[in-house]
Amino acid sequence: GAIGSYKNPQSHRNVSIVDPTEAVEMIILASHLLK
């Protein structure tokens, strides 16, 4: 779900993220999954 929601869409189209707080939440999730 994480890859499908946050990585795959940006592989196929432009996805705009303008809220830094939203980006922080996503990046922290990615960090947790990588660990």
PDB file of all heavy atoms in Angstrom:
ATOM      1  N   GLY A   1       0.809  -1.219   0.000  1.00  0.00           N
ATOM      2  CA  GLY A   1       0.000   0.000   0.000  1.00  0.00           C
ATOM      3  C   GLY A   1       0.837   1.261   0.000  1.00  0.00           C
ATOM      4  O   GLY A   1       0.507   2.242  -0.680  1.00  0.00           O
ATOM      5  N   ALA A   2       1.929   1.233   0.752  1.00  0.00           N
ATOM      6  CA  ALA A   2       2.791   2.410   0.808  1.00  0.00           C
ATOM      7  C   ALA A   2       3.431   2.690  -0.546  1.00  0.00           C
ATOM      8  O   ALA A   2       3.459   3.833  -1.023  1.00  0.00           O
ATOM      9  CB  ALA A   2       3.868   2.215   1.874  1.00  0.00           C
ATOM     10  N   ILE A   3       3.957   1.642  -1.184  1.00  0.00           N
ATOM     11  CA  ILE A   3       4.571   1.820  -2.509  1.00  0.00           C
ATOM     12  C   ILE A   3       3.504   2.236  -3.518  1.00  0.00           C
ATOM     13  O   ILE A   3       3.729   3.124  -4.358  1.00  0.00           O
ATOM     14  CB  ILE A   3       5.270   0.525  -2.959  1.00  0.00           C
ATOM     15  CG1 ILE A   3       6.493   0.254  -2.082  1.00  0.00           C
ATOM     16  CG2 ILE A   3       5.672   0.605  -4.431  1.00  0.00           C
ATOM     17  CD1 ILE A   3       7.585   1.296  -2.185  1.00  0.00           C
ATOM     18  N   GLY A   4       2.337   1.612  -3.439  1.00  0.00           N
ATOM     19  CA  GLY A   4       1.266   1.942  -4.374  1.00  0.00           C
ATOM     20  C   GLY A   4       0.745   3.350  -4.210  1.00  0.00           C
ATOM     21  O   GLY A   4       0.362   4.002  -5.185  1.00  0.00           O
ATOM     22  N   SER A   5       0.767   3.855  -2.981  1.00  0.00           N
ATOM     23  CA  SER A   5       0.215   5.183  -2.710  1.00  0.00           C
ATOM     24  C   SER A   5       1.216   6.305  -2.898  1.00  0.00           C
ATOM     25  O   SER A   5       0.869   7.383  -3.395  1.00  0.00           O
ATOM     26  CB  SER A   5      -0.323   5.236  -1.269  1.00  0.00           C
ATOM     27  OG  SER A   5      -1.396   4.343  -1.099  1.00  0.00           O
ATOM     28  N   TYR A   6       2.474   6.079  -2.510  1.00  0.00           N
ATOM     29  CA  TYR A   6       3.432   7.180  -2.433  1.00  0.00           C
ATOM     30  C   TYR A   6       4.568   7.127  -3.455  1.00  0.00           C
ATOM     31  O   TYR A   6       5.188   8.145  -3.724  1.00  0.00           O
ATOM     32  CB  TYR A   6       4.039   7.229  -1.028  1.00  0.00           C
ATOM     33  CG  TYR A   6       3.010   7.380   0.054  1.00  0.00           C
ATOM     34  CD1 TYR A   6       2.953   6.487   1.119  1.00  0.00           C
ATOM     35  CD2 TYR A   6       2.067   8.406   0.001  1.00  0.00           C
ATOM     36  CE1 TYR A   6       1.994   6.618   2.112  1.00  0.00           C
ATOM     37  CE2 TYR A   6       1.100   8.538   0.995  1.00  0.00           C
ATOM     38  CZ  TYR A   6       1.072   7.639   2.042  1.00  0.00           C
ATOM     39  OH  TYR A   6       0.127   7.769   3.021  1.00  0.00           O
ATOM     40  N   LYS A   7       4.818   5.943  -4.030  1.00  0.00           N
ATOM     41  CA  LYS A   7       5.886   5.854  -5.030  1.00  0.00           C
ATOM     42  C   LYS A   7       5.332   5.680  -6.433  1.00  0.00           C
ATOM     43  O   LYS A   7       5.702   6.409  -7.361  1.00  0.00           O
ATOM     44  CB  LYS A   7       6.832   4.705  -4.667  1.00  0.00           C
ATOM     45  CG  LYS A   7       8.108   4.647  -5.509  1.00  0.00           C
ATOM     46  CD  LYS A   7       7.938   3.711  -6.696  1.00  0.00           C
ATOM     47  CE  LYS A   7       9.183   3.657  -7.570  1.00  0.00           C
ATOM     48  NZ  LYS A   7       9.000   2.775  -8.756  1.00  0.00           N
ATOM     49  N   ASN A   8       4.416   4.728  -6.624  1.00  0.00           N
ATOM     50  CA  ASN A   8       3.936   4.434  -7.970  1.00  0.00           C
ATOM     51  C   ASN A   8       3.262   5.600  -8.682  1.00  0.00           C
ATOM     52  O   ASN A   8       3.527   5.831  -9.858  1.00  0.00           O
ATOM     53  CB  ASN A   8       2.989   3.227  -7.936  1.00  0.00           C
ATOM     54  CG  ASN A   8       3.745   1.917  -7.769  1.00  0.00           C
ATOM     55  OD1 ASN A   8       4.975   1.914  -7.703  1.00  0.00           O
ATOM     56  ND2 ASN A   8       3.021   0.819  -7.690  1.00  0.00           N
ATOM     57  N   PRO A   9       2.379   6.363  -8.006  1.00  0.00           N
ATOM     58  CA  PRO A   9       1.740   7.472  -8.734  1.00  0.00           C
ATOM     59  C   PRO A   9       2.742   8.458  -9.311  1.00  0.00           C
ATOM     60  O   PRO A   9       2.553   8.966 -10.422  1.00  0.00           O
ATOM     61  CB  PRO A   9       0.866   8.130  -7.654  1.00  0.00           C
ATOM     62  CG  PRO A   9       0.569   7.024  -6.692  1.00  0.00           C
ATOM     63  CD  PRO A   9       1.835   6.202  -6.656  1.00  0.00           C
ATOM     64  N   GLN A  10       3.817   8.736  -8.583  1.00  0.00           N
ATOM     65  CA  GLN A  10       4.807   9.694  -9.065  1.00  0.00           C
ATOM     66  C   GLN A  10       5.688   9.096 -10.162  1.00  0.00           C
ATOM     67  O   GLN A  10       6.422   9.828 -10.837  1.00  0.00           O
ATOM     68  CB  GLN A  10       5.667  10.177  -7.900  1.00  0.00           C
ATOM     69  CG  GLN A  10       4.859  10.938  -6.868  1.00  0.00           C
ATOM     70  CD  GLN A  10       5.734  11.655  -5.878  1.00  0.00           C
ATOM     71  OE1 GLN A  10       6.410  12.613  -6.224  1.00  0.00           O
ATOM     72  NE2 GLN A  10       5.721  11.195  -4.642  1.00  0.00           N
ATOM     73  N   SER A  11       5.621   7.777 -10.330  1.00  0.00           N
ATOM     74  CA  SER A  11       6.357   7.157 -11.427  1.00  0.00           C
ATOM     75  C   SER A  11       5.650   7.375 -12.756  1.00  0.00           C
ATOM     76  O   SER A  11       6.262   7.254 -13.817  1.00  0.00           O
ATOM     77  CB  SER A  11       6.501   5.649 -11.176  1.00  0.00           C
ATOM     78  OG  SER A  11       7.189   5.384  -9.974  1.00  0.00           O
ATOM     79  N   HIS A  12       4.364   7.665 -12.702  1.00  0.00           N
ATOM     80  CA  HIS A  12       3.555   7.728 -13.921  1.00  0.00           C
ATOM     81  C   HIS A  12       3.008   9.114 -14.237  1.00  0.00           C
ATOM     82  O   HIS A  12       2.598   9.371 -15.365  1.00  0.00           O
ATOM     83  CB  HIS A  12       2.384   6.743 -13.800  1.00  0.00           C
ATOM     84  CG  HIS A  12       2.804   5.358 -13.404  1.00  0.00           C
ATOM     85  ND1 HIS A  12       3.668   4.596 -14.151  1.00  0.00           N
ATOM     86  CD2 HIS A  12       2.495   4.606 -12.314  1.00  0.00           C
ATOM     87  CE1 HIS A  12       3.865   3.416 -13.555  1.00  0.00           C
ATOM     88  NE2 HIS A  12       3.176   3.412 -12.435  1.00  0.00           N
ATOM     89  N   ARG A  13       2.991  10.007 -13.249  1.00  0.00           N
ATOM     90  CA  ARG A  13       2.449  11.342 -13.501  1.00  0.00           C
ATOM     91  C   ARG A  13       3.020  12.312 -12.480  1.00  0.00           C
ATOM     92  O   ARG A  13       3.639  11.913 -11.492  1.00  0.00           O
ATOM     93  CB  ARG A  13       0.922  11.328 -13.408  1.00  0.00           C
ATOM     94  CG  ARG A  13       0.369  11.022 -12.024  1.00  0.00           C
ATOM     95  CD  ARG A  13      -1.154  11.047 -12.006  1.00  0.00           C
ATOM     96  NE  ARG A  13      -1.703  10.925 -10.670  1.00  0.00           N
ATOM     97  CZ  ARG A  13      -1.920   9.774 -10.056  1.00  0.00           C
ATOM     98  NH1 ARG A  13      -1.633   8.636 -10.672  1.00  0.00           N
ATOM     99  NH2 ARG A  13      -2.426   9.748  -8.835  1.00  0.00           N
ATOM    100  N   ASN A  14       2.827  13.599 -12.747  1.00  0.00           N
ATOM    101  CA  ASN A  14       3.279  14.615 -11.809  1.00  0.00           C
ATOM    102  C   ASN A  14       2.333  14.669 -10.611  1.00  0.00           C
ATOM    103  O   ASN A  14       1.126  14.865 -10.776  1.00  0.00           O
ATOM    104  CB  ASN A  14       3.324  15.990 -12.489  1.00  0.00           C
ATOM    105  CG  ASN A  14       4.425  16.070 -13.531  1.00  0.00           C
ATOM    106  OD1 ASN A  14       5.463  15.442 -13.394  1.00  0.00           O
ATOM    107  ND2 ASN A  14       4.198  16.844 -14.576  1.00  0.00           N
ATOM    108  N   VAL A  15       2.880  14.476  -9.434  1.00  0.00           N
ATOM    109  CA  VAL A  15       2.100  14.548  -8.200  1.00  0.00           C
ATOM    110  C   VAL A  15       2.668  15.687  -7.373  1.00  0.00           C
ATOM    111  O   VAL A  15       3.834  15.666  -6.991  1.00  0.00           O
ATOM    112  CB  VAL A  15       2.174  13.225  -7.409  1.00  0.00           C
ATOM    113  CG1 VAL A  15       1.408  13.352  -6.103  1.00  0.00           C
ATOM    114  CG2 VAL A  15       1.621  12.075  -8.250  1.00  0.00           C
ATOM    115  N   SER A  16       1.842  16.673  -7.096  1.00  0.00           N
ATOM    116  CA  SER A  16       2.312  17.854  -6.377  1.00  0.00           C
ATOM    117  C   SER A  16       2.072  17.704  -4.884  1.00  0.00           C
ATOM    118  O   SER A  16       0.954  17.421  -4.446  1.00  0.00           O
ATOM    119  CB  SER A  16       1.591  19.103  -6.902  1.00  0.00           C
ATOM    120  OG  SER A  16       2.003  20.243  -6.189  1.00  0.00           O
ATOM    121  N   ILE A  17       3.135  17.867  -4.104  1.00  0.00           N
ATOM    122  CA  ILE A  17       3.037  17.890  -2.639  1.00  0.00           C
ATOM    123  C   ILE A  17       3.527  19.264  -2.196  1.00  0.00           C
ATOM    124  O   ILE A  17       4.701  19.585  -2.348  1.00  0.00           O
ATOM    125  CB  ILE A  17       3.887  16.787  -1.995  1.00  0.00           C
ATOM    126  CG1 ILE A  17       3.440  15.405  -2.488  1.00  0.00           C
ATOM    127  CG2 ILE A  17       3.785  16.856  -0.471  1.00  0.00           C
ATOM    128  CD1 ILE A  17       4.321  14.267  -1.998  1.00  0.00           C
ATOM    129  N   VAL A  18       2.634  20.075  -1.686  1.00  0.00           N
ATOM    130  CA  VAL A  18       2.995  21.442  -1.313  1.00  0.00           C
ATOM    131  C   VAL A  18       3.067  21.639   0.196  1.00  0.00           C
ATOM    132  O   VAL A  18       3.622  22.632   0.664  1.00  0.00           O
ATOM    133  CB  VAL A  18       1.996  22.458  -1.918  1.00  0.00           C
ATOM    134  CG1 VAL A  18       2.044  22.410  -3.443  1.00  0.00           C
ATOM    135  CG2 VAL A  18       0.572  22.184  -1.435  1.00  0.00           C
ATOM    136  N   ASP A  19       2.532  20.711   0.950  1.00  0.00           N
ATOM    137  CA  ASP A  19       2.504  20.832   2.408  1.00  0.00           C
ATOM    138  C   ASP A  19       3.720  20.111   2.999  1.00  0.00           C
ATOM    139  O   ASP A  19       3.816  18.882   2.907  1.00  0.00           O
ATOM    140  CB  ASP A  19       1.212  20.219   2.957  1.00  0.00           C
ATOM    141  CG  ASP A  19       1.087  20.378   4.467  1.00  0.00           C
ATOM    142  OD1 ASP A  19       2.046  20.871   5.100  1.00  0.00           O
ATOM    143  OD2 ASP A  19       0.029  20.010   5.007  1.00  0.00           O
ATOM    144  N   PRO A  20       4.660  20.838   3.602  1.00  0.00           N
ATOM    145  CA  PRO A  20       5.851  20.177   4.160  1.00  0.00           C
ATOM    146  C   PRO A  20       5.517  19.179   5.259  1.00  0.00           C
ATOM    147  O   PRO A  20       6.199  18.159   5.406  1.00  0.00           O
ATOM    148  CB  PRO A  20       6.694  21.339   4.687  1.00  0.00           C
ATOM    149  CG  PRO A  20       5.751  22.476   4.852  1.00  0.00           C
ATOM    150  CD  PRO A  20       4.711  22.295   3.792  1.00  0.00           C
ATOM    151  N   THR A  21       4.486  19.459   6.039  1.00  0.00           N
ATOM    152  CA  THR A  21       4.097  18.529   7.103  1.00  0.00           C
ATOM    153  C   THR A  21       3.659  17.197   6.527  1.00  0.00           C
ATOM    154  O   THR A  21       4.009  16.126   7.046  1.00  0.00           O
ATOM    155  CB  THR A  21       2.964  19.133   7.949  1.00  0.00           C
ATOM    156  OG1 THR A  21       3.398  20.369   8.508  1.00  0.00           O
ATOM    157  CG2 THR A  21       2.568  18.188   9.071  1.00  0.00           C
ATOM    158  N   GLU A  22       2.914  17.243   5.448  1.00  0.00           N
ATOM    159  CA  GLU A  22       2.485  16.019   4.778  1.00  0.00           C
ATOM    160  C   GLU A  22       3.688  15.246   4.257  1.00  0.00           C
ATOM    161  O   GLU A  22       3.770  14.018   4.400  1.00  0.00           O
ATOM    162  CB  GLU A  22       1.540  16.374   3.626  1.00  0.00           C
ATOM    163  CG  GLU A  22       0.953  15.165   2.914  1.00  0.00           C
ATOM    164  CD  GLU A  22       0.026  15.557   1.778  1.00  0.00           C
ATOM    165  OE1 GLU A  22       0.062  16.735   1.349  1.00  0.00           O
ATOM    166  OE2 GLU A  22      -0.721  14.683   1.300  1.00  0.00           O
ATOM    167  N   ALA A  23       4.640  15.964   3.684  1.00  0.00           N
ATOM    168  CA  ALA A  23       5.855  15.317   3.176  1.00  0.00           C
ATOM    169  C   ALA A  23       6.646  14.672   4.304  1.00  0.00           C
ATOM    170  O   ALA A  23       7.170  13.561   4.160  1.00  0.00           O
ATOM    171  CB  ALA A  23       6.716  16.334   2.427  1.00  0.00           C
ATOM    172  N   VAL A  24       6.748  15.361   5.437  1.00  0.00           N
ATOM    173  CA  VAL A  24       7.470  14.815   6.600  1.00  0.00           C
ATOM    174  C   VAL A  24       6.836  13.502   7.045  1.00  0.00           C
ATOM    175  O   VAL A  24       7.538  12.510   7.308  1.00  0.00           O
ATOM    176  CB  VAL A  24       7.468  15.835   7.758  1.00  0.00           C
ATOM    177  CG1 VAL A  24       7.917  15.169   9.057  1.00  0.00           C
ATOM    178  CG2 VAL A  24       8.378  17.009   7.441  1.00  0.00           C
ATOM    179  N   GLU A  25       5.523  13.467   7.118  1.00  0.00           N
ATOM    180  CA  GLU A  25       4.830  12.257   7.553  1.00  0.00           C
ATOM    181  C   GLU A  25       5.125  11.088   6.619  1.00  0.00           C
ATOM    182  O   GLU A  25       5.363   9.952   7.055  1.00  0.00           O
ATOM    183  CB  GLU A  25       3.321  12.525   7.621  1.00  0.00           C
ATOM    184  CG  GLU A  25       2.934  13.512   8.716  1.00  0.00           C
ATOM    185  CD  GLU A  25       1.495  13.985   8.612  1.00  0.00           C
ATOM    186  OE1 GLU A  25       0.852  13.680   7.574  1.00  0.00           O
ATOM    187  OE2 GLU A  25       1.009  14.657   9.542  1.00  0.00           O
ATOM    188  N   MET A  26       5.119  11.370   5.307  1.00  0.00           N
ATOM    189  CA  MET A  26       5.400  10.313   4.336  1.00  0.00           C
ATOM    190  C   MET A  26       6.842   9.822   4.435  1.00  0.00           C
ATOM    191  O   MET A  26       7.107   8.613   4.385  1.00  0.00           O
ATOM    192  CB  MET A  26       5.137  10.839   2.924  1.00  0.00           C
ATOM    193  CG  MET A  26       3.690  11.199   2.642  1.00  0.00           C
ATOM    194  SD  MET A  26       3.515  11.924   0.993  1.00  0.00           S
ATOM    195  CE  MET A  26       1.777  12.375   1.004  1.00  0.00           C
ATOM    196  N   ILE A  27       7.769  10.751   4.584  1.00  0.00           N
ATOM    197  CA  ILE A  27       9.188  10.388   4.644  1.00  0.00           C
ATOM    198  C   ILE A  27       9.496   9.580   5.902  1.00  0.00           C
ATOM    199  O   ILE A  27      10.277   8.631   5.874  1.00  0.00           O
ATOM    200  CB  ILE A  27      10.055  11.656   4.567  1.00  0.00           C
ATOM    201  CG1 ILE A  27       9.947  12.277   3.160  1.00  0.00           C
ATOM    202  CG2 ILE A  27      11.512  11.348   4.892  1.00  0.00           C
ATOM    203  CD1 ILE A  27      10.516  13.675   3.058  1.00  0.00           C
ATOM    204  N   ILE A  28       8.876   9.949   7.011  1.00  0.00           N
ATOM    205  CA  ILE A  28       9.079   9.186   8.247  1.00  0.00           C
ATOM    206  C   ILE A  28       8.535   7.767   8.098  1.00  0.00           C
ATOM    207  O   ILE A  28       9.139   6.793   8.573  1.00  0.00           O
ATOM    208  CB  ILE A  28       8.436   9.913   9.438  1.00  0.00           C
ATOM    209  CG1 ILE A  28       9.240  11.176   9.776  1.00  0.00           C
ATOM    210  CG2 ILE A  28       8.354   9.004  10.659  1.00  0.00           C
ATOM    211  CD1 ILE A  28       8.653  12.005  10.883  1.00  0.00           C
ATOM    212  N   LEU A  29       7.388   7.630   7.425  1.00  0.00           N
ATOM    213  CA  LEU A  29       6.853   6.298   7.158  1.00  0.00           C
ATOM    214  C   LEU A  29       7.841   5.488   6.319  1.00  0.00           C
ATOM    215  O   LEU A  29       8.117   4.324   6.618  1.00  0.00           O
ATOM    216  CB  LEU A  29       5.508   6.401   6.442  1.00  0.00           C
ATOM    217  CG  LEU A  29       4.925   5.070   5.926  1.00  0.00           C
ATOM    218  CD1 LEU A  29       4.694   4.097   7.074  1.00  0.00           C
ATOM    219  CD2 LEU A  29       3.630   5.315   5.145  1.00  0.00           C
ATOM    220  N   ALA A  30       8.373   6.111   5.272  1.00  0.00           N
ATOM    221  CA  ALA A  30       9.348   5.422   4.420  1.00  0.00           C
ATOM    222  C   ALA A  30      10.562   4.990   5.229  1.00  0.00           C
ATOM    223  O   ALA A  30      11.078   3.878   5.053  1.00  0.00           O
ATOM    224  CB  ALA A  30       9.764   6.336   3.268  1.00  0.00           C
ATOM    225  N   SER A  31      11.019   5.835   6.108  1.00  0.00           N
ATOM    226  CA  SER A  31      12.166   5.518   6.943  1.00  0.00           C
ATOM    227  C   SER A  31      11.881   4.314   7.835  1.00  0.00           C
ATOM    228  O   SER A  31      12.711   3.415   7.987  1.00  0.00           O
ATOM    229  CB  SER A  31      12.542   6.741   7.791  1.00  0.00           C
ATOM    230  OG  SER A  31      13.675   6.478   8.580  1.00  0.00           O
ATOM    231  N   HIS A  32      10.695   4.293   8.409  1.00  0.00           N
ATOM    232  CA  HIS A  32      10.307   3.168   9.266  1.00  0.00           C
ATOM    233  C   HIS A  32      10.277   1.867   8.473  1.00  0.00           C
ATOM    234  O   HIS A  32      10.801   0.821   8.928  1.00  0.00           O
ATOM    235  CB  HIS A  32       8.940   3.448   9.872  1.00  0.00           C
ATOM    236  CG  HIS A  32       8.364   2.302  10.648  1.00  0.00           C
ATOM    237  ND1 HIS A  32       8.928   1.838  11.811  1.00  0.00           N
ATOM    238  CD2 HIS A  32       7.292   1.507  10.404  1.00  0.00           C
ATOM    239  CE1 HIS A  32       8.224   0.812  12.274  1.00  0.00           C
ATOM    240  NE2 HIS A  32       7.230   0.590  11.433  1.00  0.00           N
ATOM    241  N   LEU A  33       9.719   1.912   7.275  1.00  0.00           N
ATOM    242  CA  LEU A  33       9.635   0.707   6.454  1.00  0.00           C
ATOM    243  C   LEU A  33      11.032   0.231   6.031  1.00  0.00           C
ATOM    244  O   LEU A  33      11.299  -0.976   6.001  1.00  0.00           O
ATOM    245  CB  LEU A  33       8.776   0.974   5.218  1.00  0.00           C
ATOM    246  CG  LEU A  33       7.299   1.292   5.484  1.00  0.00           C
ATOM    247  CD1 LEU A  33       6.561   1.508   4.168  1.00  0.00           C
ATOM    248  CD2 LEU A  33       6.625   0.187   6.295  1.00  0.00           C
ATOM    249  N   LEU A  34      11.917   1.163   5.726  1.00  0.00           N
ATOM    250  CA  LEU A  34      13.267   0.778   5.325  1.00  0.00           C
ATOM    251  C   LEU A  34      14.016   0.123   6.490  1.00  0.00           C
ATOM    252  O   LEU A  34      14.815  -0.802   6.295  1.00  0.00           O
ATOM    253  CB  LEU A  34      14.032   1.993   4.808  1.00  0.00           C
ATOM    254  CG  LEU A  34      15.383   1.712   4.131  1.00  0.00           C
ATOM    255  CD1 LEU A  34      15.244   0.662   3.042  1.00  0.00           C
ATOM    256  CD2 LEU A  34      15.974   2.991   3.563  1.00  0.00           C
ATOM    257  N   LYS A  35      13.755   0.588   7.690  1.00  0.00           N
ATOM    258  CA  LYS A  35      14.379  -0.040   8.859  1.00  0.00           C
ATOM    259  C   LYS A  35      13.867  -1.468   9.051  1.00  0.00           C
ATOM    260  O   LYS A  35      14.617  -2.358   9.494  1.00  0.00           O
ATOM    261  CB  LYS A  35      14.104   0.798  10.112  1.00  0.00           C
ATOM    262  CG  LYS A  35      14.864   2.137  10.127  1.00  0.00           C
ATOM    263  CD  LYS A  35      14.504   2.996  11.319  1.00  0.00           C
ATOM    264  CE  LYS A  35      15.244   4.327  11.279  1.00  0.00           C
ATOM    265  NZ  LYS A  35      14.864   5.215  12.403  1.00  0.00           N
TER     266      LYS A  35
END
